[in-house]
Amino acid sequence: MSKDSDDSNVLIYMLAGVGLGAIIGAAAGLLFAPKAGSELREDLTGKLKELKGKTEEWITEQRAKRAVDGAVEELGV
């Protein structure tokens, strides 16, 4: 049970780090390359959609990995 708890903590910290990095990167981009409001909103929308897609892909991969790990453990391989 401890291993599962450690894996969950690592996952949470990793997701928090990715989210924080994305927020800081977006803020830095806005500060150093100002644009017109409409352009900025379009850029942010695109970046957020891209980040959402990558996050969903990563979550799917992690779920698949856990399913495989669970099946392997259940089979005792």
N, C-alpha and C. Protein backbone atom coordinates (compact mmCIF):
# COMPACT_ATOMS: atom_id res chain seq x y z
N MET A 1 0.82 -1.19 0.00
CA MET A 1 0.00 0.00 0.00
C MET A 1 0.86 1.25 0.00
N SER A 2 2.00 1.16 0.63
CA SER A 2 2.89 2.32 0.71
C SER A 2 3.39 2.73 -0.67
N LYS A 3 3.67 1.72 -1.52
CA LYS A 3 4.15 2.02 -2.87
C LYS A 3 3.09 2.78 -3.67
N ASP A 4 1.84 2.37 -3.55
CA ASP A 4 0.75 3.06 -4.24
C ASP A 4 0.63 4.50 -3.75
N SER A 5 0.78 4.69 -2.45
CA SER A 5 0.70 6.02 -1.87
C SER A 5 1.84 6.90 -2.38
N ASP A 6 3.04 6.32 -2.45
CA ASP A 6 4.18 7.07 -2.97
C ASP A 6 3.99 7.42 -4.44
N ASP A 7 3.45 6.48 -5.22
CA ASP A 7 3.19 6.74 -6.63
C ASP A 7 2.17 7.86 -6.80
N SER A 8 1.16 7.86 -5.96
CA SER A 8 0.13 8.91 -6.03
C SER A 8 0.73 10.27 -5.70
N ASN A 9 1.59 10.29 -4.68
CA ASN A 9 2.22 11.56 -4.31
C ASN A 9 3.11 12.07 -5.42
N VAL A 10 3.86 11.19 -6.06
CA VAL A 10 4.72 11.59 -7.16
C VAL A 10 3.88 12.15 -8.30
N LEU A 11 2.79 11.51 -8.60
CA LEU A 11 1.89 11.96 -9.66
C LEU A 11 1.33 13.35 -9.34
N ILE A 12 0.90 13.54 -8.12
CA ILE A 12 0.33 14.83 -7.73
C ILE A 12 1.37 15.94 -7.83
N TYR A 13 2.58 15.67 -7.30
CA TYR A 13 3.63 16.68 -7.36
C TYR A 13 4.05 16.97 -8.80
N MET A 14 4.07 15.95 -9.63
CA MET A 14 4.45 16.16 -11.02
C MET A 14 3.41 17.01 -11.74
N LEU A 15 2.15 16.69 -11.56
CA LEU A 15 1.09 17.48 -12.18
C LEU A 15 1.09 18.92 -11.68
N ALA A 16 1.34 19.09 -10.39
CA ALA A 16 1.41 20.44 -9.83
C ALA A 16 2.58 21.21 -10.44
N GLY A 17 3.71 20.53 -10.60
CA GLY A 17 4.88 21.17 -11.20
C GLY A 17 4.64 21.56 -12.65
N VAL A 18 4.01 20.67 -13.40
CA VAL A 18 3.71 20.96 -14.80
C VAL A 18 2.75 22.15 -14.90
N GLY A 19 1.72 22.13 -14.06
CA GLY A 19 0.74 23.23 -14.08
C GLY A 19 1.37 24.55 -13.69
N LEU A 20 2.18 24.54 -12.67
CA LEU A 20 2.84 25.76 -12.22
C LEU A 20 3.81 26.27 -13.29
N GLY A 21 4.54 25.35 -13.90
CA GLY A 21 5.47 25.74 -14.97
C GLY A 21 4.74 26.36 -16.15
N ALA A 22 3.59 25.80 -16.49
CA ALA A 22 2.81 26.34 -17.60
C ALA A 22 2.30 27.74 -17.28
N ILE A 23 1.85 27.94 -16.06
CA ILE A 23 1.35 29.25 -15.66
C ILE A 23 2.47 30.29 -15.67
N ILE A 24 3.62 29.93 -15.12
CA ILE A 24 4.76 30.85 -15.09
C ILE A 24 5.23 31.16 -16.50
N GLY A 25 5.29 30.14 -17.35
CA GLY A 25 5.71 30.35 -18.73
C GLY A 25 4.76 31.25 -19.49
N ALA A 26 3.47 31.05 -19.29
CA ALA A 26 2.48 31.89 -19.97
C ALA A 26 2.59 33.34 -19.48
N ALA A 27 2.76 33.52 -18.19
CA ALA A 27 2.88 34.87 -17.64
C ALA A 27 4.14 35.56 -18.18
N ALA A 28 5.24 34.84 -18.23
CA ALA A 28 6.48 35.41 -18.74
C ALA A 28 6.32 35.79 -20.21
N GLY A 29 5.66 34.94 -20.97
CA GLY A 29 5.42 35.23 -22.37
C GLY A 29 4.59 36.49 -22.56
N LEU A 30 3.60 36.68 -21.71
CA LEU A 30 2.77 37.87 -21.81
C LEU A 30 3.54 39.13 -21.44
N LEU A 31 4.40 39.01 -20.46
CA LEU A 31 5.15 40.18 -20.01
C LEU A 31 6.23 40.61 -21.01
N PHE A 32 6.84 39.65 -21.65
CA PHE A 32 7.96 39.97 -22.53
C PHE A 32 7.58 40.15 -24.00
N ALA A 33 6.39 39.76 -24.38
CA ALA A 33 5.95 39.92 -25.77
C ALA A 33 4.49 40.37 -25.80
N PRO A 34 4.21 41.57 -25.40
CA PRO A 34 2.82 42.04 -25.37
C PRO A 34 2.22 42.12 -26.77
N LYS A 35 0.97 41.83 -26.86
CA LYS A 35 0.24 41.86 -28.14
C LYS A 35 -1.09 42.55 -27.91
N ALA A 36 -1.80 42.73 -29.00
CA ALA A 36 -3.16 43.26 -28.89
C ALA A 36 -4.03 42.25 -28.14
N GLY A 37 -5.05 42.73 -27.46
CA GLY A 37 -5.90 41.87 -26.65
C GLY A 37 -6.47 40.68 -27.38
N SER A 38 -7.00 40.90 -28.59
CA SER A 38 -7.61 39.79 -29.33
C SER A 38 -6.57 38.75 -29.73
N GLU A 39 -5.39 39.20 -30.14
CA GLU A 39 -4.32 38.27 -30.49
C GLU A 39 -3.88 37.46 -29.26
N LEU A 40 -3.78 38.16 -28.16
CA LEU A 40 -3.35 37.52 -26.92
C LEU A 40 -4.35 36.45 -26.50
N ARG A 41 -5.63 36.76 -26.58
CA ARG A 41 -6.66 35.78 -26.21
C ARG A 41 -6.61 34.57 -27.13
N GLU A 42 -6.41 34.79 -28.42
CA GLU A 42 -6.30 33.67 -29.36
C GLU A 42 -5.10 32.80 -29.04
N ASP A 43 -3.96 33.44 -28.76
CA ASP A 43 -2.74 32.69 -28.42
C ASP A 43 -2.94 31.88 -27.14
N LEU A 44 -3.52 32.51 -26.13
CA LEU A 44 -3.75 31.81 -24.86
C LEU A 44 -4.71 30.64 -25.04
N THR A 45 -5.75 30.84 -25.82
CA THR A 45 -6.71 29.77 -26.07
C THR A 45 -6.01 28.60 -26.74
N GLY A 46 -5.19 28.89 -27.73
CA GLY A 46 -4.46 27.83 -28.42
C GLY A 46 -3.51 27.09 -27.49
N LYS A 47 -2.77 27.84 -26.68
CA LYS A 47 -1.81 27.22 -25.76
C LYS A 47 -2.54 26.38 -24.70
N LEU A 48 -3.67 26.87 -24.20
CA LEU A 48 -4.42 26.12 -23.21
C LEU A 48 -4.99 24.83 -23.80
N LYS A 49 -5.46 24.90 -25.03
CA LYS A 49 -5.96 23.69 -25.69
C LYS A 49 -4.83 22.68 -25.89
N GLU A 50 -3.66 23.20 -26.27
CA GLU A 50 -2.50 22.33 -26.46
C GLU A 50 -2.10 21.67 -25.13
N LEU A 51 -2.05 22.45 -24.08
CA LEU A 51 -1.70 21.93 -22.76
C LEU A 51 -2.74 20.90 -22.29
N LYS A 52 -4.01 21.19 -22.53
CA LYS A 52 -5.06 20.26 -22.14
C LYS A 52 -4.92 18.93 -22.88
N GLY A 53 -4.64 19.01 -24.17
CA GLY A 53 -4.45 17.80 -24.96
C GLY A 53 -3.27 16.97 -24.47
N LYS A 54 -2.15 17.64 -24.20
CA LYS A 54 -0.97 16.93 -23.71
C LYS A 54 -1.23 16.31 -22.34
N THR A 55 -1.94 17.04 -21.49
CA THR A 55 -2.25 16.53 -20.16
C THR A 55 -3.17 15.32 -20.25
N GLU A 56 -4.19 15.40 -21.09
CA GLU A 56 -5.10 14.26 -21.26
C GLU A 56 -4.36 13.05 -21.81
N GLU A 57 -3.46 13.28 -22.75
CA GLU A 57 -2.66 12.19 -23.31
C GLU A 57 -1.80 11.54 -22.23
N TRP A 58 -1.16 12.37 -21.41
CA TRP A 58 -0.29 11.85 -20.36
C TRP A 58 -1.10 11.06 -19.34
N ILE A 59 -2.29 11.57 -18.98
CA ILE A 59 -3.14 10.87 -18.02
C ILE A 59 -3.58 9.52 -18.58
N THR A 60 -3.93 9.48 -19.86
CA THR A 60 -4.33 8.23 -20.49
C THR A 60 -3.18 7.22 -20.45
N GLU A 61 -1.97 7.69 -20.74
CA GLU A 61 -0.80 6.81 -20.70
C GLU A 61 -0.57 6.28 -19.29
N GLN A 62 -0.72 7.13 -18.29
CA GLN A 62 -0.51 6.71 -16.91
C GLN A 62 -1.57 5.70 -16.48
N ARG A 63 -2.81 5.91 -16.89
CA ARG A 63 -3.87 4.96 -16.55
C ARG A 63 -3.61 3.61 -17.21
N ALA A 64 -3.17 3.64 -18.46
CA ALA A 64 -2.86 2.39 -19.16
C ALA A 64 -1.70 1.67 -18.46
N LYS A 65 -0.70 2.43 -18.07
CA LYS A 65 0.45 1.84 -17.38
C LYS A 65 0.02 1.20 -16.06
N ARG A 66 -0.83 1.90 -15.32
CA ARG A 66 -1.30 1.34 -14.05
C ARG A 66 -2.14 0.09 -14.28
N ALA A 67 -2.94 0.09 -15.34
CA ALA A 67 -3.76 -1.08 -15.64
C ALA A 67 -2.86 -2.28 -15.96
N VAL A 68 -1.81 -2.05 -16.74
CA VAL A 68 -0.88 -3.12 -17.08
C VAL A 68 -0.16 -3.60 -15.82
N ASP A 69 0.31 -2.65 -15.02
CA ASP A 69 1.00 -3.01 -13.78
C ASP A 69 0.09 -3.81 -12.86
N GLY A 70 -1.17 -3.41 -12.79
CA GLY A 70 -2.13 -4.13 -11.96
C GLY A 70 -2.38 -5.53 -12.46
N ALA A 71 -2.48 -5.68 -13.79
CA ALA A 71 -2.70 -7.00 -14.38
C ALA A 71 -1.49 -7.90 -14.16
N VAL A 72 -0.30 -7.34 -14.30
CA VAL A 72 0.92 -8.11 -14.08
C VAL A 72 0.98 -8.56 -12.63
N GLU A 73 0.66 -7.66 -11.72
CA GLU A 73 0.69 -8.01 -10.29
C GLU A 73 -0.35 -9.08 -9.98
N GLU A 74 -1.53 -8.94 -10.59
CA GLU A 74 -2.60 -9.90 -10.35
C GLU A 74 -2.22 -11.28 -10.87
N LEU A 75 -1.54 -11.33 -12.00
CA LEU A 75 -1.12 -12.61 -12.56
C LEU A 75 0.11 -13.17 -11.88
N GLY A 76 0.80 -12.32 -11.14
CA GLY A 76 1.98 -12.77 -10.43
C GLY A 76 3.19 -12.95 -11.33
N VAL A 77 3.21 -12.19 -12.41
CA VAL A 77 4.33 -12.33 -13.37
C VAL A 77 5.47 -11.46 -12.95
